[in-house]
């Protein structure tokens, strides 16, 4: 029986101040590297712009993207190296998905909590 190539999760955090075209080019380059190595993108999810738990390089938010792909183990090193030196990539993480792992959650839109404005008491104008 032929062994299936391992599945990997790639989470990429892109700098939000970089142009949309540059961020799209980074993701397209990642997909092209996977295809060139004989791999296959199994799943792509755009999680949108989210707040970071703590600032990284003086940035408070990032554009999150999740890609699940299959491919040879050498591809992981190549992707990791290229993402480390790419301008516009804040952080990335590649992990091997073990069999039986549940699928990733569907991305949800982060909505700002509704804050109701409290009525402001206005002092009567003083007469001169």
C-alpha atoms as a PDB file:
ATOM      1  CA  UNK A   1       0.000   0.000   0.000  1.00  0.00           C
ATOM      2  CA  UNK A   2       1.339   3.438  -0.962  1.00  0.00           C
ATOM      3  CA  UNK A   3       1.993   5.786   1.917  1.00  0.00           C
ATOM      4  CA  UNK A   4       0.203   9.115   1.686  1.00  0.00           C
ATOM      5  CA  UNK A   5       2.322  12.232   2.123  1.00  0.00           C
ATOM      6  CA  UNK A   6       1.901  13.927   5.499  1.00  0.00           C
ATOM      7  CA  UNK A   7      -0.535  16.809   5.938  1.00  0.00           C
ATOM      8  CA  UNK A   8       0.766  20.076   7.383  1.00  0.00           C
ATOM      9  CA  UNK A   9      -0.923  23.188   8.799  1.00  0.00           C
ATOM     10  CA  UNK A  10       0.694  26.486   7.833  1.00  0.00           C
ATOM     11  CA  UNK A  11      -0.479  29.552   9.738  1.00  0.00           C
ATOM     12  CA  UNK A  12       0.839  32.795   8.257  1.00  0.00           C
ATOM     13  CA  UNK A  13       0.486  36.177   9.926  1.00  0.00           C
ATOM     14  CA  UNK A  14       0.951  38.992   7.439  1.00  0.00           C
ATOM     15  CA  UNK A  15       1.676  42.629   8.238  1.00  0.00           C
ATOM     16  CA  UNK A  16      -1.484  44.672   7.729  1.00  0.00           C
ATOM     17  CA  UNK A  17       0.350  47.826   6.652  1.00  0.00           C
ATOM     18  CA  UNK A  18       1.688  46.026   3.553  1.00  0.00           C
ATOM     19  CA  UNK A  19      -0.323  46.537   0.357  1.00  0.00           C
ATOM     20  CA  UNK A  20      -3.040  43.992  -0.449  1.00  0.00           C
ATOM     21  CA  UNK A  21      -1.248  43.060  -3.685  1.00  0.00           C
ATOM     22  CA  UNK A  22       1.938  42.182  -1.787  1.00  0.00           C
ATOM     23  CA  UNK A  23       0.034  40.030   0.724  1.00  0.00           C
ATOM     24  CA  UNK A  24      -1.747  38.227  -2.133  1.00  0.00           C
ATOM     25  CA  UNK A  25       1.631  37.685  -3.850  1.00  0.00           C
ATOM     26  CA  UNK A  26       3.102  36.133  -0.677  1.00  0.00           C
ATOM     27  CA  UNK A  27       0.221  33.643  -0.476  1.00  0.00           C
ATOM     28  CA  UNK A  28       0.426  32.884  -4.206  1.00  0.00           C
ATOM     29  CA  UNK A  29       4.173  32.264  -3.882  1.00  0.00           C
ATOM     30  CA  UNK A  30       3.555  29.828  -1.004  1.00  0.00           C
ATOM     31  CA  UNK A  31       1.009  27.924  -3.089  1.00  0.00           C
ATOM     32  CA  UNK A  32       3.421  27.865  -6.036  1.00  0.00           C
ATOM     33  CA  UNK A  33       6.257  26.507  -3.852  1.00  0.00           C
ATOM     34  CA  UNK A  34       3.946  23.728  -2.644  1.00  0.00           C
ATOM     35  CA  UNK A  35       2.924  22.851  -6.206  1.00  0.00           C
ATOM     36  CA  UNK A  36       6.527  22.957  -7.472  1.00  0.00           C
ATOM     37  CA  UNK A  37       7.594  20.491  -4.765  1.00  0.00           C
ATOM     38  CA  UNK A  38       4.882  18.031  -5.788  1.00  0.00           C
ATOM     39  CA  UNK A  39       2.573  18.969  -2.927  1.00  0.00           C
ATOM     40  CA  UNK A  40      -1.070  19.917  -2.922  1.00  0.00           C
ATOM     41  CA  UNK A  41      -2.989  22.626  -1.064  1.00  0.00           C
ATOM     42  CA  UNK A  42      -5.837  20.815   0.683  1.00  0.00           C
ATOM     43  CA  UNK A  43      -7.488  23.797   2.406  1.00  0.00           C
ATOM     44  CA  UNK A  44      -7.180  27.590   2.397  1.00  0.00           C
ATOM     45  CA  UNK A  45      -8.822  29.823   4.970  1.00  0.00           C
ATOM     46  CA  UNK A  46      -8.593  33.578   5.280  1.00  0.00           C
ATOM     47  CA  UNK A  47      -9.185  34.409   8.945  1.00  0.00           C
ATOM     48  CA  UNK A  48      -8.954  38.142   8.355  1.00  0.00           C
ATOM     49  CA  UNK A  49      -7.332  40.837  10.440  1.00  0.00           C
ATOM     50  CA  UNK A  50      -7.210  39.990  14.141  1.00  0.00           C
ATOM     51  CA  UNK A  51      -5.664  41.520  17.233  1.00  0.00           C
ATOM     52  CA  UNK A  52      -2.474  39.922  18.464  1.00  0.00           C
ATOM     53  CA  UNK A  53      -2.288  38.712  22.059  1.00  0.00           C
ATOM     54  CA  UNK A  54       0.787  40.920  22.436  1.00  0.00           C
ATOM     55  CA  UNK A  55       2.600  43.328  20.172  1.00  0.00           C
ATOM     56  CA  UNK A  56       5.149  41.903  17.768  1.00  0.00           C
ATOM     57  CA  UNK A  57       7.561  44.412  16.229  1.00  0.00           C
ATOM     58  CA  UNK A  58       5.342  47.221  17.563  1.00  0.00           C
ATOM     59  CA  UNK A  59       2.318  45.881  15.657  1.00  0.00           C
ATOM     60  CA  UNK A  60      -0.975  45.131  17.376  1.00  0.00           C
ATOM     61  CA  UNK A  61      -2.766  43.193  14.636  1.00  0.00           C
ATOM     62  CA  UNK A  62      -2.079  40.866  11.714  1.00  0.00           C
ATOM     63  CA  UNK A  63      -3.805  39.317   8.698  1.00  0.00           C
ATOM     64  CA  UNK A  64      -4.221  35.588   9.498  1.00  0.00           C
ATOM     65  CA  UNK A  65      -4.187  32.845   6.833  1.00  0.00           C
ATOM     66  CA  UNK A  66      -4.355  29.068   7.312  1.00  0.00           C
ATOM     67  CA  UNK A  67      -3.247  26.638   4.615  1.00  0.00           C
ATOM     68  CA  UNK A  68      -3.354  22.862   4.921  1.00  0.00           C
ATOM     69  CA  UNK A  69      -1.118  21.129   2.448  1.00  0.00           C
ATOM     70  CA  UNK A  70       0.417  17.769   1.722  1.00  0.00           C
ATOM     71  CA  UNK A  71       3.900  17.289   0.391  1.00  0.00           C
ATOM     72  CA  UNK A  72       7.349  15.900   0.995  1.00  0.00           C
ATOM     73  CA  UNK A  73       9.057  16.689   4.329  1.00  0.00           C
ATOM     74  CA  UNK A  74      11.790  18.706   2.570  1.00  0.00           C
ATOM     75  CA  UNK A  75       9.107  21.192   1.517  1.00  0.00           C
ATOM     76  CA  UNK A  76       8.650  22.266   5.145  1.00  0.00           C
ATOM     77  CA  UNK A  77      12.245  23.476   5.387  1.00  0.00           C
ATOM     78  CA  UNK A  78      11.998  25.349   2.092  1.00  0.00           C
ATOM     79  CA  UNK A  79       8.736  27.053   3.053  1.00  0.00           C
ATOM     80  CA  UNK A  80      10.005  27.938   6.508  1.00  0.00           C
ATOM     81  CA  UNK A  81      13.193  29.497   5.137  1.00  0.00           C
ATOM     82  CA  UNK A  82      11.373  31.507   2.460  1.00  0.00           C
ATOM     83  CA  UNK A  83       8.752  32.790   4.906  1.00  0.00           C
ATOM     84  CA  UNK A  84      11.460  33.851   7.393  1.00  0.00           C
ATOM     85  CA  UNK A  85      13.074  36.149   4.837  1.00  0.00           C
ATOM     86  CA  UNK A  86       9.902  37.409   3.125  1.00  0.00           C
ATOM     87  CA  UNK A  87       9.025  41.043   3.691  1.00  0.00           C
ATOM     88  CA  UNK A  88       5.465  41.337   4.898  1.00  0.00           C
ATOM     89  CA  UNK A  89       5.397  38.101   6.918  1.00  0.00           C
ATOM     90  CA  UNK A  90       5.121  38.852  10.619  1.00  0.00           C
ATOM     91  CA  UNK A  91       5.143  35.221  11.846  1.00  0.00           C
ATOM     92  CA  UNK A  92       4.489  31.732  10.515  1.00  0.00           C
ATOM     93  CA  UNK A  93       4.153  28.266  11.958  1.00  0.00           C
ATOM     94  CA  UNK A  94       4.130  24.876  10.246  1.00  0.00           C
ATOM     95  CA  UNK A  95       2.965  21.796  12.140  1.00  0.00           C
ATOM     96  CA  UNK A  96       2.431  18.226  11.027  1.00  0.00           C
ATOM     97  CA  UNK A  97      -1.181  17.145  11.427  1.00  0.00           C
ATOM     98  CA  UNK A  98      -1.462  13.765  13.122  1.00  0.00           C
ATOM     99  CA  UNK A  99      -4.088  11.298  11.890  1.00  0.00           C
ATOM    100  CA  UNK A 100      -7.371  11.688  13.730  1.00  0.00           C
ATOM    101  CA  UNK A 101      -6.946  15.415  14.313  1.00  0.00           C
ATOM    102  CA  UNK A 102     -10.258  17.229  13.833  1.00  0.00           C
ATOM    103  CA  UNK A 103     -10.489  19.673  10.924  1.00  0.00           C
ATOM    104  CA  UNK A 104      -9.645  23.318  11.584  1.00  0.00           C
ATOM    105  CA  UNK A 105     -12.493  25.537  12.732  1.00  0.00           C
ATOM    106  CA  UNK A 106     -14.283  27.732  10.253  1.00  0.00           C
ATOM    107  CA  UNK A 107     -13.058  31.298  10.545  1.00  0.00           C
ATOM    108  CA  UNK A 108     -15.482  33.645  12.261  1.00  0.00           C
ATOM    109  CA  UNK A 109     -15.726  37.345  11.830  1.00  0.00           C
ATOM    110  CA  UNK A 110     -14.514  39.184  14.846  1.00  0.00           C
ATOM    111  CA  UNK A 111     -17.012  41.803  15.764  1.00  0.00           C
ATOM    112  CA  UNK A 112     -16.246  44.612  18.130  1.00  0.00           C
ATOM    113  CA  UNK A 113     -18.390  44.342  21.247  1.00  0.00           C
ATOM    114  CA  UNK A 114     -21.315  46.711  21.145  1.00  0.00           C
ATOM    115  CA  UNK A 115     -20.729  49.494  23.612  1.00  0.00           C
ATOM    116  CA  UNK A 116     -23.696  51.635  24.434  1.00  0.00           C
ATOM    117  CA  UNK A 117     -22.915  55.245  25.081  1.00  0.00           C
ATOM    118  CA  UNK A 118     -24.028  56.389  28.490  1.00  0.00           C
ATOM    119  CA  UNK A 119     -26.016  59.606  28.551  1.00  0.00           C
ATOM    120  CA  UNK A 120     -23.864  62.562  29.336  1.00  0.00           C
ATOM    121  CA  UNK A 121     -25.212  64.991  31.872  1.00  0.00           C
ATOM    122  CA  UNK A 122     -25.021  68.534  30.628  1.00  0.00           C
ATOM    123  CA  UNK A 123     -24.664  71.225  33.248  1.00  0.00           C
ATOM    124  CA  UNK A 124     -26.996  74.168  32.831  1.00  0.00           C
ATOM    125  CA  UNK A 125     -25.327  77.156  31.298  1.00  0.00           C
ATOM    126  CA  UNK A 126     -24.379  79.824  33.805  1.00  0.00           C
ATOM    127  CA  UNK A 127     -26.070  83.117  33.224  1.00  0.00           C
ATOM    128  CA  UNK A 128     -23.933  86.182  33.310  1.00  0.00           C
END
